PDB file of all heavy atoms in Angstrom:
ATOM      1  N   ARG A   1     100.063 102.418  78.343  1.00  0.00           N
ATOM      2  CA  ARG A   1      99.480 102.265  79.621  1.00  0.00           C
ATOM      3  C   ARG A   1     100.513 102.576  80.740  1.00  0.00           C
ATOM      4  O   ARG A   1     101.541 102.028  80.662  1.00  0.00           O
ATOM      5  CB  ARG A   1      98.908 100.855  79.804  1.00  0.00           C
ATOM      6  CG  ARG A   1      98.217 100.610  81.116  1.00  0.00           C
ATOM      7  CD  ARG A   1      97.606  99.263  81.229  1.00  0.00           C
ATOM      8  NE  ARG A   1      96.865  99.042  82.431  1.00  0.00           N
ATOM      9  CZ  ARG A   1      97.386  98.422  83.441  1.00  0.00           C
ATOM     10  NH1 ARG A   1      98.538  97.988  83.523  1.00  0.00           N
ATOM     11  NH2 ARG A   1      96.626  98.207  84.585  1.00  0.00           N
ATOM     12  N   VAL A   2     100.076 103.380  81.694  1.00  0.00           N
ATOM     13  CA  VAL A   2     100.861 103.532  82.886  1.00  0.00           C
ATOM     14  C   VAL A   2     100.120 103.134  83.976  1.00  0.00           C
ATOM     15  O   VAL A   2      98.883 103.292  84.141  1.00  0.00           O
ATOM     16  CB  VAL A   2     101.273 105.072  83.064  1.00  0.00           C
ATOM     17  CG1 VAL A   2      99.973 105.940  83.116  1.00  0.00           C
ATOM     18  CG2 VAL A   2     102.124 105.295  84.164  1.00  0.00           C
ATOM     19  N   SER A   3     100.778 102.382  84.953  1.00  0.00           N
ATOM     20  CA  SER A   3     100.036 101.766  86.143  1.00  0.00           C
ATOM     21  C   SER A   3     100.855 101.667  87.377  1.00  0.00           C
ATOM     22  O   SER A   3     102.088 101.824  87.358  1.00  0.00           O
ATOM     23  CB  SER A   3      99.699 100.306  85.631  1.00  0.00           C
ATOM     24  OG  SER A   3     100.803  99.475  85.415  1.00  0.00           O
ATOM     25  N   HIS A   4     100.186 101.525  88.403  1.00  0.00           N
ATOM     26  CA  HIS A   4     100.743 101.244  89.767  1.00  0.00           C
ATOM     27  C   HIS A   4     100.499  99.744  90.040  1.00  0.00           C
ATOM     28  O   HIS A   4      99.370  99.260  90.122  1.00  0.00           O
ATOM     29  CB  HIS A   4     100.039 102.084  90.885  1.00  0.00           C
ATOM     30  CG  HIS A   4     100.634 101.768  92.219  1.00  0.00           C
ATOM     31  ND1 HIS A   4     101.637 102.332  92.767  1.00  0.00           N
ATOM     32  CD2 HIS A   4     100.057 100.880  93.152  1.00  0.00           C
ATOM     33  CE1 HIS A   4     101.780 101.888  94.031  1.00  0.00           C
ATOM     34  NE2 HIS A   4     100.798 100.928  94.237  1.00  0.00           N
ATOM     35  N   ASP A   5     101.558  98.978  90.137  1.00  0.00           N
ATOM     36  CA  ASP A   5     101.464  97.534  90.318  1.00  0.00           C
ATOM     37  C   ASP A   5     101.953  97.087  91.680  1.00  0.00           C
ATOM     38  O   ASP A   5     102.987  97.615  92.161  1.00  0.00           O
ATOM     39  CB  ASP A   5     102.442  96.804  89.195  1.00  0.00           C
ATOM     40  CG  ASP A   5     101.936  97.131  87.819  1.00  0.00           C
ATOM     41  OD1 ASP A   5     100.726  97.481  87.696  1.00  0.00           O
ATOM     42  OD2 ASP A   5     102.759  97.035  86.978  1.00  0.00           O
ATOM     43  N   ASN A   6     101.292  96.042  92.171  1.00  0.00           N
ATOM     44  CA  ASN A   6     101.745  95.458  93.474  1.00  0.00           C
ATOM     45  C   ASN A   6     101.758  93.925  93.260  1.00  0.00           C
ATOM     46  O   ASN A   6     100.740  93.306  92.783  1.00  0.00           O
ATOM     47  CB  ASN A   6     100.727  95.864  94.583  1.00  0.00           C
ATOM     48  CG  ASN A   6     101.119  95.110  95.880  1.00  0.00           C
ATOM     49  OD1 ASN A   6     100.749  93.942  96.135  1.00  0.00           O
ATOM     50  ND2 ASN A   6     101.960  95.868  96.679  1.00  0.00           N
ATOM     51  N   ILE A   7     102.965  93.348  93.436  1.00  0.00           N
ATOM     52  CA  ILE A   7     103.083  91.908  93.120  1.00  0.00           C
ATOM     53  C   ILE A   7     103.621  91.308  94.441  1.00  0.00           C
ATOM     54  O   ILE A   7     104.548  91.693  95.027  1.00  0.00           O
ATOM     55  CB  ILE A   7     104.071  91.682  92.047  1.00  0.00           C
ATOM     56  CG1 ILE A   7     103.736  92.568  90.770  1.00  0.00           C
ATOM     57  CG2 ILE A   7     104.222  90.199  91.638  1.00  0.00           C
ATOM     58  CD1 ILE A   7     104.715  92.583  89.714  1.00  0.00           C
ATOM     59  N   LYS A   8     103.010  90.127  94.768  1.00  0.00           N
ATOM     60  CA  LYS A   8     103.399  89.450  95.950  1.00  0.00           C
ATOM     61  C   LYS A   8     103.824  88.070  95.583  1.00  0.00           C
ATOM     62  O   LYS A   8     103.081  87.307  94.971  1.00  0.00           O
ATOM     63  CB  LYS A   8     102.240  89.326  97.024  1.00  0.00           C
ATOM     64  CG  LYS A   8     102.684  88.565  98.310  1.00  0.00           C
ATOM     65  CD  LYS A   8     101.558  88.623  99.306  1.00  0.00           C
ATOM     66  CE  LYS A   8     102.061  87.970 100.601  1.00  0.00           C
ATOM     67  NZ  LYS A   8     100.939  87.911 101.686  1.00  0.00           N
ATOM     68  N   ASP A   9     105.139  87.832  95.867  1.00  0.00           N
ATOM     69  CA  ASP A   9     105.674  86.434  95.497  1.00  0.00           C
ATOM     70  C   ASP A   9     105.492  85.570  96.767  1.00  0.00           C
ATOM     71  O   ASP A   9     106.164  85.800  97.750  1.00  0.00           O
ATOM     72  CB  ASP A   9     107.231  86.623  95.162  1.00  0.00           C
ATOM     73  CG  ASP A   9     107.897  85.305  94.718  1.00  0.00           C
ATOM     74  OD1 ASP A   9     107.290  84.221  95.055  1.00  0.00           O
ATOM     75  OD2 ASP A   9     108.837  85.395  93.945  1.00  0.00           O
ATOM     76  N   HIS A  10     104.749  84.433  96.673  1.00  0.00           N
ATOM     77  CA  HIS A  10     104.451  83.614  97.781  1.00  0.00           C
ATOM     78  C   HIS A  10     105.661  82.830  98.168  1.00  0.00           C
ATOM     79  O   HIS A  10     105.744  82.347  99.224  1.00  0.00           O
ATOM     80  CB  HIS A  10     103.251  82.752  97.474  1.00  0.00           C
ATOM     81  CG  HIS A  10     101.891  83.481  97.494  1.00  0.00           C
ATOM     82  ND1 HIS A  10     101.109  83.480  98.678  1.00  0.00           N
ATOM     83  CD2 HIS A  10     101.348  84.276  96.596  1.00  0.00           C
ATOM     84  CE1 HIS A  10     100.091  84.239  98.438  1.00  0.00           C
ATOM     85  NE2 HIS A  10     100.157  84.702  97.107  1.00  0.00           N
ATOM     86  N   GLN A  11     106.531  82.587  97.175  1.00  0.00           N
ATOM     87  CA  GLN A  11     107.738  81.711  97.484  1.00  0.00           C
ATOM     88  C   GLN A  11     108.657  82.540  98.443  1.00  0.00           C
ATOM     89  O   GLN A  11     109.148  81.959  99.449  1.00  0.00           O
ATOM     90  CB  GLN A  11     108.490  81.482  96.244  1.00  0.00           C
ATOM     91  CG  GLN A  11     109.664  80.495  96.486  1.00  0.00           C
ATOM     92  CD  GLN A  11     110.407  80.144  95.141  1.00  0.00           C
ATOM     93  OE1 GLN A  11     110.075  80.803  94.156  1.00  0.00           O
ATOM     94  NE2 GLN A  11     111.285  79.165  95.146  1.00  0.00           N
ATOM     95  N   SER A  12     108.795  83.902  98.221  1.00  0.00           N
ATOM     96  CA  SER A  12     109.645  84.648  99.077  1.00  0.00           C
ATOM     97  C   SER A  12     108.839  85.347 100.181  1.00  0.00           C
ATOM     98  O   SER A  12     109.422  85.949 101.074  1.00  0.00           O
ATOM     99  CB  SER A  12     110.394  85.707  98.298  1.00  0.00           C
ATOM    100  OG  SER A  12     109.476  86.574  97.621  1.00  0.00           O
ATOM    101  N   GLN A  13     107.497  85.336 100.050  1.00  0.00           N
ATOM    102  CA  GLN A  13     106.594  85.903 101.105  1.00  0.00           C
ATOM    103  C   GLN A  13     106.898  87.437 101.220  1.00  0.00           C
ATOM    104  O   GLN A  13     106.849  88.054 102.269  1.00  0.00           O
ATOM    105  CB  GLN A  13     106.679  85.242 102.413  1.00  0.00           C
ATOM    106  CG  GLN A  13     106.307  83.811 102.458  1.00  0.00           C
ATOM    107  CD  GLN A  13     104.765  83.710 102.125  1.00  0.00           C
ATOM    108  OE1 GLN A  13     103.946  84.421 102.740  1.00  0.00           O
ATOM    109  NE2 GLN A  13     104.413  82.849 101.236  1.00  0.00           N
ATOM    110  N   ILE A  14     107.231  88.154 100.115  1.00  0.00           N
ATOM    111  CA  ILE A  14     107.441  89.568 100.115  1.00  0.00           C
ATOM    112  C   ILE A  14     106.640  90.239  99.007  1.00  0.00           C
ATOM    113  O   ILE A  14     106.304  89.602  98.029  1.00  0.00           O
ATOM    114  CB  ILE A  14     108.891  89.883  99.969  1.00  0.00           C
ATOM    115  CG1 ILE A  14     109.441  89.477  98.638  1.00  0.00           C
ATOM    116  CG2 ILE A  14     109.748  89.291 101.132  1.00  0.00           C
ATOM    117  CD1 ILE A  14     110.792  89.908  98.376  1.00  0.00           C
ATOM    118  N   ASP A  15     106.333  91.505  99.280  1.00  0.00           N
ATOM    119  CA  ASP A  15     105.721  92.274  98.221  1.00  0.00           C
ATOM    120  C   ASP A  15     106.786  92.848  97.351  1.00  0.00           C
ATOM    121  O   ASP A  15     107.751  93.455  97.835  1.00  0.00           O
ATOM    122  CB  ASP A  15     104.894  93.443  98.779  1.00  0.00           C
ATOM    123  CG  ASP A  15     103.588  92.857  99.407  1.00  0.00           C
ATOM    124  OD1 ASP A  15     103.249  91.736  99.138  1.00  0.00           O
ATOM    125  OD2 ASP A  15     103.077  93.685 100.278  1.00  0.00           O
ATOM    126  N   ILE A  16     106.666  92.713  96.014  1.00  0.00           N
ATOM    127  CA  ILE A  16     107.610  93.200  95.148  1.00  0.00           C
ATOM    128  C   ILE A  16     107.317  94.658  94.741  1.00  0.00           C
ATOM    129  O   ILE A  16     106.569  94.845  93.675  1.00  0.00           O
ATOM    130  CB  ILE A  16     107.800  92.355  93.859  1.00  0.00           C
ATOM    131  CG1 ILE A  16     108.086  90.894  94.332  1.00  0.00           C
ATOM    132  CG2 ILE A  16     108.890  92.781  92.984  1.00  0.00           C
ATOM    133  CD1 ILE A  16     108.115  89.905  93.206  1.00  0.00           C
ATOM    134  N   GLU A  17     107.527  95.645  95.449  1.00  0.00           N
ATOM    135  CA  GLU A  17     107.165  97.018  95.182  1.00  0.00           C
ATOM    136  C   GLU A  17     108.178  97.991  95.682  1.00  0.00           C
ATOM    137  O   GLU A  17     107.898  99.121  96.038  1.00  0.00           O
ATOM    138  CB  GLU A  17     105.766  97.395  95.719  1.00  0.00           C
ATOM    139  CG  GLU A  17     105.728  97.122  97.249  1.00  0.00           C
ATOM    140  CD  GLU A  17     104.226  97.549  97.682  1.00  0.00           C
ATOM    141  OE1 GLU A  17     103.484  98.159  96.975  1.00  0.00           O
ATOM    142  OE2 GLU A  17     103.992  97.231  98.918  1.00  0.00           O
ATOM    143  N   SER A  18     109.473  97.429  95.851  1.00  0.00           N
ATOM    144  CA  SER A  18     110.452  98.373  96.243  1.00  0.00           C
ATOM    145  C   SER A  18     110.824  99.448  95.156  1.00  0.00           C
ATOM    146  O   SER A  18     110.706  99.112  94.020  1.00  0.00           O
ATOM    147  CB  SER A  18     111.724  97.556  96.580  1.00  0.00           C
ATOM    148  OG  SER A  18     112.102  96.906  95.513  1.00  0.00           O
ATOM    149  N   GLY A  19     111.291 100.698  95.617  1.00  0.00           N
ATOM    150  CA  GLY A  19     111.647 101.587  94.621  1.00  0.00           C
ATOM    151  C   GLY A  19     110.329 102.152  93.973  1.00  0.00           C
ATOM    152  O   GLY A  19     109.285 102.170  94.487  1.00  0.00           O
ATOM    153  N   ASP A  20     110.583 102.562  92.723  1.00  0.00           N
ATOM    154  CA  ASP A  20     109.394 103.062  91.865  1.00  0.00           C
ATOM    155  C   ASP A  20     108.585 101.943  91.388  1.00  0.00           C
ATOM    156  O   ASP A  20     109.012 101.050  90.586  1.00  0.00           O
ATOM    157  CB  ASP A  20     110.093 103.879  90.710  1.00  0.00           C
ATOM    158  CG  ASP A  20     108.944 104.489  89.878  1.00  0.00           C
ATOM    159  OD1 ASP A  20     107.742 104.473  90.343  1.00  0.00           O
ATOM    160  OD2 ASP A  20     109.253 104.998  88.747  1.00  0.00           O
ATOM    161  N   ASP A  21     107.310 101.893  91.812  1.00  0.00           N
ATOM    162  CA  ASP A  21     106.418 100.807  91.409  1.00  0.00           C
ATOM    163  C   ASP A  21     105.492 101.168  90.271  1.00  0.00           C
ATOM    164  O   ASP A  21     104.469 100.604  90.038  1.00  0.00           O
ATOM    165  CB  ASP A  21     105.537 100.265  92.603  1.00  0.00           C
ATOM    166  CG  ASP A  21     104.764 101.466  93.238  1.00  0.00           C
ATOM    167  OD1 ASP A  21     104.858 102.633  92.710  1.00  0.00           O
ATOM    168  OD2 ASP A  21     103.984 101.182  94.150  1.00  0.00           O
ATOM    169  N   THR A  22     105.892 102.164  89.570  1.00  0.00           N
ATOM    170  CA  THR A  22     105.130 102.659  88.424  1.00  0.00           C
ATOM    171  C   THR A  22     105.595 101.895  87.151  1.00  0.00           C
ATOM    172  O   THR A  22     106.786 101.869  86.923  1.00  0.00           O
ATOM    173  CB  THR A  22     105.198 104.154  88.177  1.00  0.00           C
ATOM    174  OG1 THR A  22     104.751 104.832  89.277  1.00  0.00           O
ATOM    175  CG2 THR A  22     104.439 104.488  86.901  1.00  0.00           C
ATOM    176  N   SER A  23     104.671 101.247  86.443  1.00  0.00           N
ATOM    177  CA  SER A  23     105.034 100.489  85.202  1.00  0.00           C
ATOM    178  C   SER A  23     104.559 101.265  83.974  1.00  0.00           C
ATOM    179  O   SER A  23     103.494 101.887  84.075  1.00  0.00           O
ATOM    180  CB  SER A  23     104.405  99.126  85.313  1.00  0.00           C
ATOM    181  OG  SER A  23     104.971  98.335  86.294  1.00  0.00           O
ATOM    182  N   HIS A  24     105.381 101.105  82.885  1.00  0.00           N
ATOM    183  CA  HIS A  24     105.002 101.677  81.615  1.00  0.00           C
ATOM    184  C   HIS A  24     104.865 100.626  80.556  1.00  0.00           C
ATOM    185  O   HIS A  24     105.871  99.747  80.447  1.00  0.00           O
ATOM    186  CB  HIS A  24     105.934 102.730  81.180  1.00  0.00           C
ATOM    187  CG  HIS A  24     106.039 103.885  82.159  1.00  0.00           C
ATOM    188  ND1 HIS A  24     105.341 105.076  82.128  1.00  0.00           N
ATOM    189  CD2 HIS A  24     106.949 104.049  83.330  1.00  0.00           C
ATOM    190  CE1 HIS A  24     105.655 105.841  83.173  1.00  0.00           C
ATOM    191  NE2 HIS A  24     106.619 105.222  83.836  1.00  0.00           N
ATOM    192  N   GLU A  25     103.803 100.554  79.861  1.00  0.00           N
ATOM    193  CA  GLU A  25     103.639  99.458  78.868  1.00  0.00           C
ATOM    194  C   GLU A  25     103.304 100.121  77.532  1.00  0.00           C
ATOM    195  O   GLU A  25     102.439 101.047  77.343  1.00  0.00           O
ATOM    196  CB  GLU A  25     102.530  98.546  79.262  1.00  0.00           C
ATOM    197  CG  GLU A  25     102.241  97.456  78.314  1.00  0.00           C
ATOM    198  CD  GLU A  25     101.195  96.431  78.831  1.00  0.00           C
ATOM    199  OE1 GLU A  25     100.673  96.641  79.864  1.00  0.00           O
ATOM    200  OE2 GLU A  25     100.946  95.415  78.102  1.00  0.00           O
ATOM    201  N   PHE A  26     103.956  99.648  76.501  1.00  0.00           N
ATOM    202  CA  PHE A  26     103.668 100.103  75.085  1.00  0.00           C
ATOM    203  C   PHE A  26     103.463  98.885  74.135  1.00  0.00           C
ATOM    204  O   PHE A  26     104.178  97.981  74.137  1.00  0.00           O
ATOM    205  CB  PHE A  26     104.868 100.926  74.565  1.00  0.00           C
ATOM    206  CG  PHE A  26     104.744 101.411  73.135  1.00  0.00           C
ATOM    207  CD1 PHE A  26     103.792 102.449  72.824  1.00  0.00           C
ATOM    208  CD2 PHE A  26     105.397 100.866  72.090  1.00  0.00           C
ATOM    209  CE1 PHE A  26     103.597 102.873  71.541  1.00  0.00           C
ATOM    210  CE2 PHE A  26     105.193 101.320  70.827  1.00  0.00           C
ATOM    211  CZ  PHE A  26     104.339 102.267  70.528  1.00  0.00           C
ATOM    212  N   GLN A  27     102.386  99.037  73.369  1.00  0.00           N
ATOM    213  CA  GLN A  27     102.080  97.946  72.458  1.00  0.00           C
ATOM    214  C   GLN A  27     101.873  98.593  71.048  1.00  0.00           C
ATOM    215  O   GLN A  27     101.228  99.684  70.959  1.00  0.00           O
ATOM    216  CB  GLN A  27     100.752  97.188  72.792  1.00  0.00           C
ATOM    217  CG  GLN A  27     100.891  96.570  74.118  1.00  0.00           C
ATOM    218  CD  GLN A  27      99.601  95.887  74.557  1.00  0.00           C
ATOM    219  OE1 GLN A  27      98.830  95.541  73.691  1.00  0.00           O
ATOM    220  NE2 GLN A  27      99.392  95.678  75.853  1.00  0.00           N
ATOM    221  N   ALA A  28     102.333  97.951  69.999  1.00  0.00           N
ATOM    222  CA  ALA A  28     102.190  98.443  68.643  1.00  0.00           C
ATOM    223  C   ALA A  28     102.078  97.259  67.746  1.00  0.00           C
ATOM    224  O   ALA A  28     102.884  96.435  67.706  1.00  0.00           O
ATOM    225  CB  ALA A  28     103.423  99.293  68.207  1.00  0.00           C
ATOM    226  N   LYS A  29     100.941  97.162  67.108  1.00  0.00           N
ATOM    227  CA  LYS A  29     100.710  96.043  66.055  1.00  0.00           C
ATOM    228  C   LYS A  29     100.279  96.676  64.692  1.00  0.00           C
ATOM    229  O   LYS A  29      99.435  97.529  64.655  1.00  0.00           O
ATOM    230  CB  LYS A  29      99.614  95.185  66.553  1.00  0.00           C
ATOM    231  CG  LYS A  29      99.379  93.932  65.680  1.00  0.00           C
ATOM    232  CD  LYS A  29      98.349  93.014  66.370  1.00  0.00           C
ATOM    233  CE  LYS A  29      98.103  91.747  65.310  1.00  0.00           C
ATOM    234  NZ  LYS A  29      99.287  90.996  65.031  1.00  0.00           N
ATOM    235  N   PHE A  30     100.928  96.198  63.706  1.00  0.00           N
ATOM    236  CA  PHE A  30     100.642  96.670  62.341  1.00  0.00           C
ATOM    237  C   PHE A  30     100.409  95.553  61.430  1.00  0.00           C
ATOM    238  O   PHE A  30     101.256  94.535  61.391  1.00  0.00           O
ATOM    239  CB  PHE A  30     101.771  97.673  61.898  1.00  0.00           C
ATOM    240  CG  PHE A  30     101.683  98.003  60.434  1.00  0.00           C
ATOM    241  CD1 PHE A  30     100.781  98.999  60.135  1.00  0.00           C
ATOM    242  CD2 PHE A  30     102.468  97.426  59.481  1.00  0.00           C
ATOM    243  CE1 PHE A  30     100.717  99.446  58.730  1.00  0.00           C
ATOM    244  CE2 PHE A  30     102.241  97.781  58.124  1.00  0.00           C
ATOM    245  CZ  PHE A  30     101.438  98.863  57.786  1.00  0.00           C
TER     246      PHE A  30
END
């Protein structure tokens, strides 16, 4: 899965999306 993520940390009151905000996820179960 490839995704565009936006995360807001209420403790720091900032959006965590600096730089490349593209995430890559890989899952393998056997």
